[in-house]
Amino acid sequence: MPGLSYPHANPDPVRLNMQDDTAIPELIGMTALEIRSLIRRKRLSVPELLESLENRVREVEPCVNALPTLCFERARAAACAPELGNTLLGGLPVPIKDLENVEGVRTTQGSRVYQNHVPDQSDIVVAHLEANGATVYAKSNTPEFGTGGNTWNHVFGATRNPWNTSMSVAGSSGGAAAALASGMAWLAQGSDMGGSLRNPASFCNVVGLRPTVGRVAANMGTEILDTLSTAGPMARNVRDAALLLDAMCGHVSGAPLSLPSPCTGFLESACSPGLPGKVAYSMDLGITPVDSQVRTVMERALLQLEQAGMTLEEACPDFSGLHEVFHVLRAREYARNLGGLLAGHADVLSPNVAWNIRQGMNLDMDRIDRANAHRVTLVGRVQAFFGRYPVILCPATIVPPYPVTHDHVEACDGQSFENYFQWLGIAYAWTTALCPALSLPCGFTDSGLPVGMQVVSTSYDEGTLLSTASGIEEILGIDTSPINPRITQ
């Protein structure tokens, strides 16, 4: 079945028949691990779970526009499979970002070019998740081709932040983050190039993890190895995110560079919270301004960690030249992957997408070679840094949630940005450096908007990353339970 879509042309949020303090249904408020336990003990069936979830979506989705395409009929059919109970996820429902093909379900990539596209085959990441027991019931909203730090597109409109519906959820996995925060998902698949798992997690008070490239199998695109983009998990807490990463990882036929599953599962690492003896921290990585509200929340969180016994040292790698490197390599990706659309579809592509493609087409080989060479040097400096510190902490985003009507952040702390994505540098620094990075809820601004802390480790060491993040999560004690959307105009 192609999947049903809510009409979201109206930019104003729909008022719900509930108040902010209306009780959250019991199943909706549980963690993914608690839900899986109920399924395994046969205290709950997957069809019953889907019914509860569909009721929640019916109540909340018109307000936040996080899951514009639904496929509950397909999910119920999958829930009848006899082998589902023996899988890792056991039937846990998972929405898929609208950049990934799901067989028989409308998949638009947030673009009018593909607004009526219904694929006949699922992408590898989706097939692998379903093989491990994920039940796909929805597609989550994304900006066109995942482009930008605000989740809106011309097909479905803007996704709104459940913490304040006049605010953005960031991007590009914004639909996934909003669904988690508002109780329309327990787990969610997303993807990340310049922070697309981490920025929405920060804005929505959930967890988003960008794993090491190769950790999650993916379709081969126009190049054998894409080292900028990767899929990853989102959840409301670290252990749930680790569970989903276990279900996403592993070598898959058709993805020859995908990594085998580690000997120690990621959930096992997350269930062994620990704090390294010495941890680095930086407010700005030496490359970006940071909003005073974010600094204040981060400082409070770091003080809590120090009081709990963590030894913190202010330090960070040398990221000089980062912005040029990322700008060039990102533009090259757009030209290579989407360049063919410019001639025939320039009139329907968003300005940001068209600009990125043109930037890539205007590159010469000398500039590309210089960017690649500088990246090698940068990665070497970062790897040397992690020889001294197992983990570094920094903000996940440099601003709290901003108005949903703004395309991007133009300036911060008195400093203007050169383009529409440079405000994301504190996230794409770690993309460029090939490091796994996790956004963890760490507090709220005075107006009640979420702020995320980024926890980063060296390449291929998601185990240390998850153990540390789990330990920090316990110390900070941030409530990440789902909320009813807080509607403002």
Protein backbone atom coordinates (compact mmCIF):
# COMPACT_ATOMS: atom_id res chain seq x y z
CA MET A 1 0.00 0.00 0.00
CA PRO A 2 1.50 3.38 -0.96
CA GLY A 3 0.81 4.91 2.43
CA LEU A 4 -1.54 7.64 3.58
CA SER A 5 -0.48 11.27 3.89
CA TYR A 6 -1.87 13.96 6.15
CA PRO A 7 -2.60 17.26 4.34
CA HIS A 8 -0.15 19.73 5.88
CA ALA A 9 -0.44 22.70 3.55
CA ASN A 10 -1.64 24.95 6.39
CA PRO A 11 1.43 26.43 8.13
CA ASP A 12 -0.44 26.93 11.41
CA PRO A 13 -0.41 24.07 13.92
CA VAL A 14 -3.70 22.28 14.53
CA ARG A 15 -5.05 22.65 18.05
CA LEU A 16 -5.34 19.38 19.93
CA ASN A 17 -8.21 18.29 22.12
CA MET A 18 -5.80 17.98 25.03
CA GLN A 19 -3.81 20.15 27.39
CA ASP A 20 -0.06 20.06 27.95
CA ASP A 21 -0.67 18.25 31.24
CA THR A 22 -2.99 15.61 29.75
CA ALA A 23 -1.72 12.22 30.85
CA ILE A 24 0.48 10.37 28.36
CA PRO A 25 -0.88 6.85 27.65
CA GLU A 26 1.05 4.21 29.61
CA LEU A 27 2.45 2.34 26.60
CA ILE A 28 3.45 5.57 24.88
CA GLY A 29 5.44 6.67 27.93
CA MET A 30 7.47 3.45 28.17
CA THR A 31 10.98 2.99 26.84
CA ALA A 32 11.72 0.80 23.84
CA LEU A 33 13.44 -1.74 26.07
CA GLU A 34 10.40 -1.91 28.33
CA ILE A 35 8.15 -2.44 25.32
CA ARG A 36 10.42 -5.16 23.95
CA SER A 37 10.36 -6.91 27.33
CA LEU A 38 6.56 -6.92 27.34
CA ILE A 39 6.52 -8.40 23.84
CA ARG A 40 9.05 -11.10 24.73
CA ARG A 41 7.09 -12.07 27.86
CA LYS A 42 3.93 -12.19 25.72
CA ARG A 43 2.33 -9.48 27.85
CA LEU A 44 1.84 -7.38 24.74
CA SER A 45 1.35 -8.23 21.06
CA VAL A 46 2.73 -6.19 18.19
CA PRO A 47 -0.79 -5.57 16.75
CA GLU A 48 -1.87 -4.20 20.14
CA LEU A 49 1.21 -1.99 20.17
CA LEU A 50 0.45 -0.70 16.68
CA GLU A 51 -3.12 0.12 17.69
CA SER A 52 -1.89 2.20 20.62
CA LEU A 53 0.64 3.92 18.41
CA GLU A 54 -1.89 4.67 15.68
CA ASN A 55 -4.18 6.30 18.24
CA ARG A 56 -1.31 8.50 19.43
CA VAL A 57 -0.40 9.46 15.88
CA ARG A 58 -4.01 10.35 15.15
CA GLU A 59 -4.06 12.69 18.16
CA VAL A 60 -0.66 14.34 17.82
CA GLU A 61 0.54 14.23 14.21
CA PRO A 62 -1.70 17.02 12.85
CA CYS A 63 0.04 19.39 15.27
CA VAL A 64 3.71 18.58 14.62
CA ASN A 65 3.78 17.11 11.07
CA ALA A 66 6.52 14.62 11.87
CA LEU A 67 5.18 11.49 10.13
CA PRO A 68 3.40 12.68 6.99
CA THR A 69 3.20 9.24 5.37
CA LEU A 70 1.73 6.30 7.29
CA CYS A 71 1.65 2.60 6.39
CA PHE A 72 -0.03 0.90 9.36
CA GLU A 73 -1.70 -1.68 7.11
CA ARG A 74 1.73 -2.78 5.87
CA ALA A 75 2.98 -2.83 9.47
CA ARG A 76 0.10 -5.06 10.62
CA ALA A 77 0.82 -7.50 7.82
CA ALA A 78 4.48 -7.66 8.86
CA ALA A 79 3.48 -8.14 12.50
CA CYS A 80 1.89 -11.48 11.61
CA ALA A 81 5.19 -13.04 10.56
CA PRO A 82 5.83 -16.07 12.80
CA GLU A 83 9.61 -15.45 12.97
CA LEU A 84 9.19 -11.92 14.34
CA GLY A 85 9.37 -13.04 17.96
CA ASN A 86 12.87 -14.45 17.50
CA THR A 87 14.38 -11.23 16.17
CA LEU A 88 16.40 -8.61 18.04
CA LEU A 89 13.68 -5.97 18.02
CA GLY A 90 10.78 -8.42 18.19
CA GLY A 91 8.43 -6.23 16.18
CA LEU A 92 9.18 -2.82 17.71
CA PRO A 93 7.74 -0.13 15.41
CA VAL A 94 10.31 2.11 13.69
CA PRO A 95 9.62 5.06 11.36
CA ILE A 96 11.97 5.48 8.39
CA LYS A 97 13.32 8.83 7.24
CA ASP A 98 11.79 9.82 3.92
CA LEU A 99 15.20 9.70 2.23
CA GLU A 100 15.19 5.88 2.38
CA ASN A 101 13.14 3.68 0.06
CA VAL A 102 10.54 1.45 1.69
CA GLU A 103 9.00 -1.11 -0.63
CA GLY A 104 5.43 -0.17 -1.57
CA VAL A 105 5.39 3.04 0.48
CA ARG A 106 5.45 6.56 -0.91
CA THR A 107 9.03 7.86 -0.63
CA THR A 108 9.49 11.47 -1.72
CA GLN A 109 12.92 12.52 -0.38
CA GLY A 110 11.06 15.71 0.50
CA SER A 111 11.20 16.73 -3.16
CA ARG A 112 8.55 17.56 -5.73
CA VAL A 113 10.71 15.63 -8.19
CA TYR A 114 9.76 12.40 -6.36
CA GLN A 115 6.49 13.42 -4.74
CA ASN A 116 4.59 10.48 -6.30
CA HIS A 117 7.40 7.91 -6.11
CA VAL A 118 6.50 4.48 -4.72
CA PRO A 119 9.58 2.18 -4.80
CA ASP A 120 9.31 -1.52 -5.51
CA GLN A 121 12.33 -2.38 -3.36
CA SER A 122 13.53 -1.23 0.06
CA ASP A 123 16.98 0.24 0.62
CA ILE A 124 19.51 -1.94 2.45
CA VAL A 125 19.19 -0.10 5.77
CA VAL A 126 15.41 -0.68 5.77
CA ALA A 127 15.61 -4.35 4.73
CA HIS A 128 18.27 -4.97 7.40
CA LEU A 129 16.14 -3.35 10.09
CA GLU A 130 13.11 -5.38 9.09
CA ALA A 131 15.19 -8.57 9.10
CA ASN A 132 16.09 -7.71 12.70
CA GLY A 133 12.47 -7.28 13.71
CA ALA A 134 11.64 -3.64 13.05
CA THR A 135 8.03 -2.98 12.03
CA VAL A 136 7.90 -0.03 9.64
CA TYR A 137 4.72 2.03 10.07
CA ALA A 138 5.61 5.53 8.82
CA LYS A 139 8.00 7.77 6.92
CA SER A 140 9.43 10.72 8.87
CA ASN A 141 9.68 14.18 7.40
CA THR A 142 12.92 15.63 6.07
CA PRO A 143 14.00 18.71 4.13
CA GLU A 144 14.46 18.16 0.39
CA PHE A 145 17.20 15.53 -0.08
CA GLY A 146 18.12 16.11 3.59
CA THR A 147 19.37 19.61 2.75
CA GLY A 148 19.42 22.10 5.60
CA GLY A 149 19.05 22.58 9.32
CA ASN A 150 15.27 23.10 9.31
CA THR A 151 12.88 20.27 8.46
CA TRP A 152 10.53 21.62 5.81
CA ASN A 153 9.84 20.88 2.18
CA HIS A 154 7.40 21.74 -0.59
CA VAL A 155 5.69 18.34 -0.45
CA PHE A 156 4.67 18.12 3.21
CA GLY A 157 5.54 21.49 4.77
CA ALA A 158 7.36 22.14 8.03
CA THR A 159 7.79 19.86 11.03
CA ARG A 160 7.19 21.69 14.32
CA ASN A 161 8.95 21.31 17.63
CA PRO A 162 6.78 19.60 20.29
CA TRP A 163 8.44 21.75 22.97
CA ASN A 164 7.10 24.88 21.26
CA THR A 165 5.30 24.48 17.96
CA SER A 166 6.43 27.89 16.73
CA MET A 167 10.02 26.57 16.76
CA SER A 168 12.08 24.44 14.39
CA VAL A 169 13.14 20.84 15.01
CA ALA A 170 16.39 21.49 13.08
CA GLY A 171 17.28 18.97 10.39
CA SER A 172 17.45 16.86 8.59
CA SER A 173 16.10 13.98 10.72
CA GLY A 174 13.61 16.41 12.23
CA GLY A 175 10.52 14.29 11.71
CA ALA A 176 12.14 11.40 13.56
CA ALA A 177 13.12 13.60 16.52
CA ALA A 178 9.69 15.23 16.78
CA ALA A 179 7.98 11.83 16.62
CA LEU A 180 10.11 10.57 19.51
CA ALA A 181 9.59 13.68 21.63
CA SER A 182 5.81 13.66 21.14
CA GLY A 183 5.31 9.95 21.78
CA MET A 184 4.71 8.83 18.20
CA ALA A 185 7.78 6.59 18.21
CA TRP A 186 9.95 4.65 20.66
CA LEU A 187 12.80 4.30 18.18
CA ALA A 188 13.52 6.06 14.88
CA GLN A 189 15.92 5.68 11.98
CA GLY A 190 17.67 8.77 10.70
CA SER A 191 20.77 9.83 8.80
CA ASP A 192 23.53 12.38 9.22
CA MET A 193 25.96 14.36 7.08
CA GLY A 194 26.39 17.69 8.86
CA GLY A 195 24.66 16.82 12.11
CA SER A 196 21.29 15.61 10.83
CA LEU A 197 20.88 13.05 13.63
CA ARG A 198 22.43 15.23 16.33
CA ASN A 199 20.89 18.66 15.66
CA PRO A 200 17.23 17.52 15.79
CA ALA A 201 18.02 15.40 18.86
CA SER A 202 19.38 18.50 20.60
CA PHE A 203 16.35 20.59 19.64
CA CYS A 204 13.85 17.92 20.75
CA ASN A 205 15.40 16.53 23.98
CA VAL A 206 16.14 13.09 22.57
CA VAL A 207 19.25 11.06 21.67
CA GLY A 208 20.75 10.97 18.19
CA LEU A 209 23.85 8.94 17.33
CA ARG A 210 25.99 9.29 14.21
CA PRO A 211 28.05 6.07 14.12
CA THR A 212 31.35 5.49 12.36
CA VAL A 213 30.90 5.33 8.59
CA GLY A 214 30.49 1.67 7.60
CA ARG A 215 28.92 0.70 10.91
CA VAL A 216 25.47 0.78 9.26
CA ALA A 217 25.21 -0.88 5.85
CA ALA A 218 23.96 1.28 3.01
CA ASN A 219 23.29 1.11 -0.70
CA MET A 220 26.25 1.96 -2.88
CA GLY A 221 25.63 5.30 -4.55
CA THR A 222 27.72 7.04 -7.16
CA GLU A 223 30.90 6.31 -5.20
CA ILE A 224 31.97 3.09 -3.48
CA LEU A 225 32.57 4.74 -0.12
CA ASP A 226 30.70 7.86 0.98
CA THR A 227 32.50 9.08 4.12
CA LEU A 228 30.22 12.04 4.78
CA SER A 229 26.76 10.48 5.16
CA THR A 230 25.60 7.59 7.30
CA ALA A 231 22.38 6.27 8.77
CA GLY A 232 22.03 5.95 12.53
CA PRO A 233 19.63 5.54 15.44
CA MET A 234 17.49 7.97 17.41
CA ALA A 235 15.66 7.26 20.66
CA ARG A 236 14.62 8.90 23.90
CA ASN A 237 17.55 7.51 25.90
CA VAL A 238 21.01 6.08 25.35
CA ARG A 239 20.16 2.41 25.94
CA ASP A 240 17.25 2.49 23.49
CA ALA A 241 19.53 4.12 20.90
CA ALA A 242 22.12 1.40 21.49
CA LEU A 243 19.46 -1.28 20.98
CA LEU A 244 18.55 0.22 17.61
CA LEU A 245 22.21 0.52 16.62
CA ASP A 246 22.62 -3.20 17.33
CA ALA A 247 19.72 -3.82 14.93
CA MET A 248 21.17 -1.51 12.28
CA CYS A 249 24.80 -2.69 12.33
CA GLY A 250 26.49 -5.73 10.82
CA HIS A 251 27.88 -6.76 7.47
CA VAL A 252 25.26 -7.03 4.74
CA SER A 253 25.58 -8.61 1.31
CA GLY A 254 25.33 -5.82 -1.25
CA ALA A 255 27.19 -3.41 1.02
CA PRO A 256 30.75 -4.77 0.71
CA LEU A 257 32.35 -2.13 2.95
CA SER A 258 29.88 -2.58 5.81
CA LEU A 259 31.50 -3.56 9.10
CA PRO A 260 30.77 -6.79 10.97
CA SER A 261 28.97 -6.53 14.29
CA PRO A 262 31.34 -6.01 17.23
CA CYS A 263 32.03 -8.79 19.74
CA THR A 264 30.45 -6.70 22.49
CA GLY A 265 26.98 -5.47 21.57
CA PHE A 266 26.25 -1.77 21.77
CA LEU A 267 23.38 -2.30 24.20
CA GLU A 268 25.75 -4.19 26.47
CA SER A 269 28.12 -1.20 26.40
CA ALA A 270 25.31 1.22 27.16
CA CYS A 271 24.17 -0.97 30.07
CA SER A 272 27.65 -0.62 31.59
CA PRO A 273 27.74 3.12 32.29
CA GLY A 274 31.14 4.49 33.14
CA LEU A 275 33.11 7.71 33.21
CA PRO A 276 36.65 7.82 31.78
CA GLY A 277 39.30 9.13 34.15
CA LYS A 278 39.92 12.25 32.08
CA VAL A 279 37.58 13.86 29.60
CA ALA A 280 38.13 16.86 27.33
CA TYR A 281 35.56 19.55 26.76
CA SER A 282 35.22 22.57 24.52
CA MET A 283 32.45 25.11 24.09
CA ASP A 284 33.29 26.02 20.51
CA LEU A 285 36.05 23.72 19.14
CA GLY A 286 37.83 26.93 18.19
CA ILE A 287 35.71 27.27 15.03
CA THR A 288 32.33 28.76 15.88
CA PRO A 289 30.42 31.25 18.02
CA VAL A 290 28.03 29.78 20.62
CA ASP A 291 24.83 31.32 21.95
CA SER A 292 24.99 32.43 25.60
CA GLN A 293 21.95 30.30 26.51
CA VAL A 294 23.68 27.17 25.20
CA ARG A 295 26.86 28.07 27.09
CA THR A 296 24.92 28.48 30.32
CA VAL A 297 23.19 25.10 30.01
CA MET A 298 26.44 23.37 29.07
CA GLU A 299 28.30 24.96 32.00
CA ARG A 300 25.65 23.74 34.44
CA ALA A 301 25.86 20.23 33.02
CA LEU A 302 29.68 20.18 33.16
CA LEU A 303 29.58 21.32 36.77
CA GLN A 304 27.28 18.40 37.60
CA LEU A 305 29.73 16.02 35.97
CA GLU A 306 32.67 17.46 37.90
CA GLN A 307 30.75 17.17 41.15
CA ALA A 308 30.08 13.52 40.31
CA GLY A 309 33.83 12.88 40.02
CA MET A 310 34.58 13.39 36.31
CA THR A 311 37.93 15.05 35.58
CA LEU A 312 37.39 17.64 32.86
CA GLU A 313 40.10 19.42 30.90
CA GLU A 314 39.39 22.19 28.41
CA ALA A 315 40.99 21.04 25.16
CA CYS A 316 40.10 20.23 21.55
CA PRO A 317 41.80 19.19 18.31
CA ASP A 318 43.02 21.75 15.81
CA PHE A 319 40.17 22.19 13.32
CA SER A 320 41.76 24.96 11.24
CA GLY A 321 40.60 24.77 7.63
CA LEU A 322 37.49 22.76 8.53
CA HIS A 323 34.87 24.95 6.89
CA GLU A 324 36.58 24.97 3.49
CA VAL A 325 37.10 21.19 3.59
CA PHE A 326 33.49 20.41 4.44
CA HIS A 327 32.09 22.99 2.03
CA VAL A 328 34.07 21.54 -0.89
CA LEU A 329 33.45 17.86 -0.15
CA ARG A 330 29.77 18.47 0.56
CA ALA A 331 29.31 20.39 -2.71
CA ARG A 332 31.08 17.61 -4.58
CA GLU A 333 28.60 15.09 -3.13
CA TYR A 334 25.65 17.17 -4.31
CA ALA A 335 26.99 17.59 -7.81
CA ARG A 336 27.79 13.90 -8.12
CA ASN A 337 24.54 12.58 -6.65
CA LEU A 338 22.00 15.18 -7.77
CA GLY A 339 23.65 17.02 -10.63
CA GLY A 340 21.48 15.27 -13.19
CA LEU A 341 18.35 16.85 -11.72
CA LEU A 342 19.41 20.43 -12.30
CA ALA A 343 18.78 20.51 -16.06
CA GLY A 344 15.28 19.02 -15.98
CA HIS A 345 13.96 20.05 -12.58
CA ALA A 346 15.59 23.37 -11.67
CA ASP A 347 12.14 24.99 -11.45
CA VAL A 348 10.99 22.68 -8.62
CA LEU A 349 14.20 22.22 -6.64
CA SER A 350 14.55 24.28 -3.47
CA PRO A 351 17.09 27.14 -3.67
CA ASN A 352 19.37 25.42 -1.15
CA VAL A 353 19.54 22.20 -3.18
CA ALA A 354 20.13 24.02 -6.45
CA TRP A 355 22.84 26.19 -4.85
CA ASN A 356 24.64 23.13 -3.49
CA ILE A 357 24.62 21.41 -6.87
CA ARG A 358 25.94 24.50 -8.64
CA GLN A 359 28.66 24.92 -6.02
CA GLY A 360 29.79 21.37 -6.74
CA MET A 361 29.68 21.78 -10.50
CA ASN A 362 31.90 24.85 -10.26
CA LEU A 363 34.65 23.00 -8.37
CA ASP A 364 37.92 22.23 -10.10
CA MET A 365 40.07 19.20 -9.36
CA ASP A 366 42.77 21.30 -7.71
CA ARG A 367 40.36 22.59 -5.08
CA ILE A 368 38.94 19.10 -4.48
CA ASP A 369 42.43 17.63 -4.11
CA ARG A 370 43.43 20.36 -1.65
CA ALA A 371 40.30 19.70 0.42
CA ASN A 372 40.96 15.96 0.52
CA ALA A 373 44.61 16.50 1.47
CA HIS A 374 43.67 18.93 4.22
CA ARG A 375 41.09 16.45 5.49
CA VAL A 376 43.77 13.79 5.83
CA THR A 377 45.83 16.21 7.94
CA LEU A 378 42.79 17.14 10.02
CA VAL A 379 41.89 13.50 10.68
CA GLY A 380 45.47 12.83 11.77
CA ARG A 381 45.33 15.67 14.28
CA VAL A 382 42.02 14.41 15.66
CA GLN A 383 43.28 10.84 15.99
CA ALA A 384 46.33 12.11 17.89
CA PHE A 385 44.02 14.06 20.19
CA PHE A 386 42.08 10.90 21.05
CA GLY A 387 45.36 9.33 22.05
CA ARG A 388 45.28 11.74 25.00
CA TYR A 389 41.54 11.80 25.74
CA PRO A 390 39.08 8.93 25.20
CA VAL A 391 36.11 11.30 24.88
CA ILE A 392 35.38 14.97 24.29
CA LEU A 393 32.24 16.91 25.22
CA CYS A 394 30.90 19.97 23.41
CA PRO A 395 27.52 21.48 22.50
CA ALA A 396 25.50 19.52 19.94
CA THR A 397 24.18 22.77 18.45
CA ILE A 398 25.33 26.34 19.00
CA VAL A 399 21.81 27.78 19.41
CA PRO A 400 18.60 26.63 21.07
CA PRO A 401 15.58 26.00 18.80
CA TYR A 402 14.84 28.96 16.52
CA PRO A 403 11.57 29.98 14.79
CA VAL A 404 10.24 27.43 12.32
CA THR A 405 9.67 30.21 9.80
CA HIS A 406 13.43 30.80 9.51
CA ASP A 407 15.26 28.76 6.90
CA HIS A 408 18.51 28.71 8.88
CA VAL A 409 20.62 30.50 11.47
CA GLU A 410 22.17 33.58 9.88
CA ALA A 411 24.26 34.76 12.85
CA CYS A 412 25.19 33.82 16.40
CA ASP A 413 26.70 35.88 19.20
CA GLY A 414 27.30 38.77 16.84
CA GLN A 415 29.01 36.70 14.12
CA SER A 416 27.42 36.20 10.69
CA PHE A 417 27.79 32.97 8.72
CA GLU A 418 29.07 32.70 5.16
CA ASN A 419 26.39 30.26 4.02
CA TYR A 420 23.22 28.59 5.23
CA PHE A 421 24.93 25.57 6.84
CA GLN A 422 28.05 27.00 8.50
CA TRP A 423 26.17 27.33 11.80
CA LEU A 424 26.35 23.52 11.94
CA GLY A 425 30.16 23.45 12.13
CA ILE A 426 30.29 22.10 15.68
CA ALA A 427 28.56 18.96 14.34
CA TYR A 428 30.19 18.60 10.92
CA ALA A 429 33.63 18.92 12.50
CA TRP A 430 33.19 15.34 13.72
CA THR A 431 31.70 14.20 10.38
CA THR A 432 34.82 15.46 8.64
CA ALA A 433 37.05 13.81 11.26
CA LEU A 434 35.35 10.39 10.82
CA CYS A 435 34.29 10.20 14.49
CA PRO A 436 31.15 8.71 16.02
CA ALA A 437 29.21 11.40 17.88
CA LEU A 438 26.10 11.36 20.05
CA SER A 439 23.75 14.17 21.05
CA LEU A 440 22.51 13.78 24.62
CA PRO A 441 19.88 15.92 26.39
CA CYS A 442 21.68 18.10 28.97
CA GLY A 443 19.22 20.76 30.08
CA PHE A 444 16.86 23.57 29.12
CA THR A 445 17.01 27.29 28.52
CA ASP A 446 15.13 29.67 30.82
CA SER A 447 12.22 29.54 28.35
CA GLY A 448 12.10 25.73 28.52
CA LEU A 449 13.75 24.84 25.20
CA PRO A 450 16.03 21.77 25.05
CA VAL A 451 19.81 21.88 24.70
CA GLY A 452 21.98 18.89 23.75
CA MET A 453 25.52 17.92 24.70
CA GLN A 454 27.66 16.20 22.08
CA VAL A 455 29.71 13.21 23.26
CA VAL A 456 32.43 12.17 20.79
CA SER A 457 34.95 9.33 20.70
CA THR A 458 37.53 8.10 18.21
CA SER A 459 36.59 6.15 15.09
CA TYR A 460 35.08 2.68 15.60
CA ASP A 461 34.82 3.15 19.39
CA GLU A 462 31.06 3.43 19.81
CA GLY A 463 31.39 1.15 22.84
CA THR A 464 33.29 3.77 24.87
CA LEU A 465 31.02 6.46 23.48
CA LEU A 466 27.83 4.68 24.60
CA SER A 467 29.20 3.67 28.00
CA THR A 468 30.28 7.25 28.70
CA ALA A 469 27.04 8.76 27.39
CA SER A 470 25.06 6.35 29.56
CA GLY A 471 27.07 7.39 32.60
CA ILE A 472 26.54 11.08 31.85
CA GLU A 473 22.83 10.46 31.28
CA GLU A 474 22.53 8.94 34.77
CA ILE A 475 24.31 11.89 36.40
CA LEU A 476 22.37 14.62 34.60
CA GLY A 477 19.01 12.91 35.14
CA ILE A 478 17.18 14.79 32.37
CA ASP A 479 13.58 13.67 31.94
CA THR A 480 13.18 12.53 28.34
CA SER A 481 9.64 11.21 28.61
CA PRO A 482 7.38 12.07 25.67
CA ILE A 483 5.33 15.25 25.94
CA ASN A 484 2.09 16.56 24.53
CA PRO A 485 2.92 19.26 21.98
CA ARG A 486 3.03 22.75 23.45
CA ILE A 487 1.11 24.78 20.92
CA THR A 488 2.08 28.39 20.35
CA GLN A 489 1.45 30.71 17.42
